[in-house]
Protein backbone atom coordinates (compact mmCIF):
# COMPACT_ATOMS: atom_id res chain seq x y z
CA MET A 1 31.35 0.14 -31.68
CA THR A 2 34.92 0.16 -32.71
CA VAL A 3 36.53 -3.30 -32.39
CA GLY A 4 38.57 -3.48 -29.20
CA ARG A 5 37.53 -0.06 -27.82
CA LYS A 6 34.53 0.50 -25.42
CA THR A 7 32.42 3.40 -26.51
CA GLY A 8 29.58 4.75 -24.33
CA GLY A 9 28.08 3.35 -21.18
CA ARG A 10 29.27 3.78 -17.57
CA LYS A 11 32.79 4.85 -16.90
CA LEU A 12 35.00 2.34 -15.18
CA GLY A 13 34.75 2.51 -11.32
CA VAL A 14 31.50 4.44 -11.34
CA LYS A 15 28.69 2.64 -9.32
CA ASN A 16 25.41 1.76 -10.69
CA LYS A 17 22.08 3.27 -9.65
CA ARG A 18 21.12 0.34 -7.16
CA THR A 19 24.43 0.61 -5.37
CA VAL A 20 24.19 4.47 -5.01
CA GLU A 21 20.56 4.03 -3.81
CA ARG A 22 21.67 1.44 -1.15
CA LYS A 23 24.55 3.50 0.00
CA ARG A 24 22.26 6.53 0.26
CA ALA A 25 19.70 4.61 2.28
CA LEU A 26 22.27 3.10 4.66
CA ASP A 27 23.78 6.56 5.10
CA ALA A 28 20.44 8.06 6.02
CA ALA A 29 19.64 5.02 8.47
CA VAL A 30 23.08 5.70 10.19
CA SER A 31 22.31 9.43 10.48
CA ARG A 32 18.97 9.00 11.97
CA PHE A 33 20.61 6.53 14.43
CA GLN A 34 23.28 9.15 15.39
CA THR A 35 20.89 11.91 15.84
CA LYS A 36 18.47 9.77 17.96
CA ASN A 37 21.38 8.64 20.15
CA LYS A 38 23.09 12.05 20.19
CA GLY A 39 26.15 11.07 17.93
CA ASN A 40 27.25 7.82 19.85
CA VAL A 41 28.64 5.74 17.24
CA PHE A 42 28.71 1.97 16.96
CA GLU A 43 32.25 1.50 18.25
CA GLY A 44 32.77 -1.60 16.08
CA ASP A 45 29.51 -3.32 16.98
CA ALA A 46 28.57 -4.72 13.51
CA LEU A 47 25.73 -6.63 15.05
CA ALA A 48 24.25 -3.26 16.33
CA LEU A 49 24.29 -1.94 12.73
CA LEU A 50 22.67 -4.99 11.29
CA VAL A 51 19.81 -4.72 14.02
CA LEU A 52 19.38 -1.01 13.18
CA VAL A 53 19.19 -1.72 9.49
CA TYR A 54 16.53 -4.55 9.76
CA LYS A 55 14.42 -2.72 12.31
CA ASP A 56 14.37 0.38 10.17
CA THR A 57 10.95 0.26 8.47
CA GLU A 58 12.01 3.20 6.34
CA LEU A 59 14.57 1.15 4.42
CA PRO A 60 13.82 -1.23 1.42
CA LEU A 61 12.59 -4.62 2.47
CA THR A 62 15.28 -6.29 0.55
CA MET A 63 17.84 -4.38 2.53
CA ARG A 64 16.25 -5.29 5.87
CA MET A 65 16.03 -8.93 4.92
CA ALA A 66 19.63 -9.21 3.98
CA ALA A 67 20.57 -7.65 7.28
CA ALA A 68 18.24 -10.14 9.16
CA GLN A 69 19.77 -13.16 7.43
CA VAL A 70 23.28 -12.02 8.53
CA ALA A 71 22.24 -11.08 12.25
CA ILE A 72 20.25 -14.07 12.89
CA ARG A 73 23.31 -16.35 13.18
CA TYR A 74 24.40 -14.06 15.95
CA GLU A 75 21.14 -13.58 17.88
CA LYS A 76 19.91 -17.24 17.84
CA PRO A 77 21.95 -20.38 18.30
CA ALA A 78 22.12 -22.66 15.12
CA LEU A 79 20.75 -26.18 15.62
CA SER A 80 23.38 -28.79 15.86
CA ALA A 81 23.23 -32.64 14.96
CA VAL A 82 23.22 -34.71 18.24
CA GLN A 83 24.11 -38.44 18.05
CA HIS A 84 22.02 -40.60 20.19
CA GLY A 85 23.61 -44.12 20.97
CA GLY A 86 23.68 -46.71 23.67
CA LYS A 87 26.66 -47.84 25.53
CA ASP A 88 30.04 -47.29 23.94
CA ASP A 89 28.33 -45.39 21.06
CA GLY A 90 26.66 -48.61 20.03
CA PRO A 91 22.94 -49.00 19.29
CA ILE A 92 20.19 -48.28 21.83
CA GLU A 93 19.45 -51.44 23.42
CA GLY A 94 16.53 -52.43 25.48
CA ARG A 95 12.79 -52.70 24.99
CA ILE A 96 10.36 -49.95 24.36
CA THR A 97 6.94 -50.54 25.89
CA ILE A 98 3.93 -48.64 24.79
CA GLU A 99 0.97 -49.03 27.09
CA PHE A 100 -2.39 -47.91 26.16
CA VAL A 101 -4.71 -46.76 28.98
CA GLU A 102 -8.56 -46.52 28.73
CA PRO A 103 -10.09 -43.41 29.68
CA PRO A 104 -12.30 -43.43 32.70
CA LYS A 105 -15.85 -44.12 31.73
CA ARG A 106 -18.41 -41.42 32.23
CA SER A 107 -21.35 -42.07 34.41
CA THR A 108 -24.64 -42.36 32.51
CA ALA A 109 -26.80 -41.49 35.61
CA ALA A 110 -28.52 -38.21 35.16
CA ALA A 111 -27.25 -35.20 37.23
CA PRO A 112 -29.24 -34.03 40.24
CA ALA A 113 -31.43 -31.00 39.45
């Protein structure tokens, strides 16, 4: 290699094999969706595209998992922290009483035949 000059390798701006493969798979999935839905496009609904990708069993699992990870935030609400407190956001006051109750005893008499 000449000092300061790049020789060989991929030209600047050319996508690698993995990127080309992903793009081809995604284009194929969109094409299948369009033929299945008679050409109706998404009309800006990104969530519908994500759902299409993660439900398509012909796509690679890594691509489906990535789409599912993004879509889950819109399909299921995220859990949030809830502060529990007493009066005026102070500590919870009062007594907690735990009462243990004995289960009813079973009869030892033989059942009639």
